[in-house]
Amino acid sequence: MNQLSSKNWMFIKQRLTPYLFLLPALVILGLTVFWPALQAFYLSFTSYDDLAQPPQWIGLANFFQLWKDAVFWKTLENTFLYLVGVVPILVIAPLGLAILVNQKLRGMNWFRSAYYTPVVISMVVAGIAWKWLYAENGLLNQFLKTLGIFPEGIPWLTSPAKLFGIVPISLASVMAVTVWKGLGYYMVIYLAGLQSIPADIYEAAAIDGSDGIRKHLDITIPLMKPYLALVAVISAISATKVFEEVYIMTQGGPLSSSKTIVYYLYEQAFNNLEISYACTIGLVLFLIILGLSILRLLINQQGSDNITI
């Protein structure tokens, strides 16, 4: 009996030991992430306009208000345009860069560092620098005036007009900064995948006549599909949560043409002090990101066997 109890104790000890190591992190996450998230979920069903008074339960009233909110639908449209405009570029262009810098040529380490430099630059610094470039008398407009293409320049950040009738110029200008900063990050992910592909496969393909660009169509892209899917989901989640670029460069203007859903949440919470309404917007954003995260987990699970070659 004592021996059986001793075995049970050892079994319980083995089971509990990992959770004891995780306990400090779980406590911190519980206090800083999970509990505030539960509070935000509760507040989305209340009216909390007067911070000096306790929140009043109003049920689904905030969601009905959100349904009728034209600005919310505008920000949702802008966020969708951000996804469509940024994600395909961040999926395709970094793969081309990764293939380029994966060549065994002199000076490639320097090129890798150059392409990755924007990633380590603070978004605040990058946003301010690009705002200067986009200014009325900035470098880009001066260059265009010199060429005589646009003598009056382009209102990059101050025009609600739509480029090709689809994307506002201000939103497209912010998208360019996101792409510029993300290229190097996703390039490194692809580079890790490319270096895991054995050279023997390319040599065998060359014997069969698959060389040059064709070898990438026949070998590289099929074997990189798990990485392509991973980058697509990660960049989609990042594009959905975009905030710093908008806050620094346009403040959501002009006429909400560059306002995204996260910036609208921030505006309602900290500018208008509509805490409950902001929590409702946050709940909708959470559901969107949750769907993308589940998609990412499914892709990782299905592609985990294909990543290791």
Foldseek 3Di string as FASTA:
>chain_A
DVVVVVVVVVVVCVVCVVVVVCVVVVVVCVVPPVVVLVVLVQLLQWFCLDVVDDTHGNGCPLVVVCVVDPLLVLQALLLVVLLVVQLVCLLPVLLVVLVVLLDPDPPSVVVLCVQQVLQPDDLLVLLVVLLQCQDQPHPVQVVCCVVVNDVRGDNQQAFQDADVRRAGSNQVSLSVSVNSNSSSVLSVLLNVLVVLDDVVVVVVVVVVVQDDPSCCVVPVCVLCVLSSQLSSLVVSLCSLQDDSNCVNRHLCDDVNSNRHLNSVLVCCCPVVVRSNSSSNSVVVSVVVNVVSVVVNVVSCVVCVVSSRD
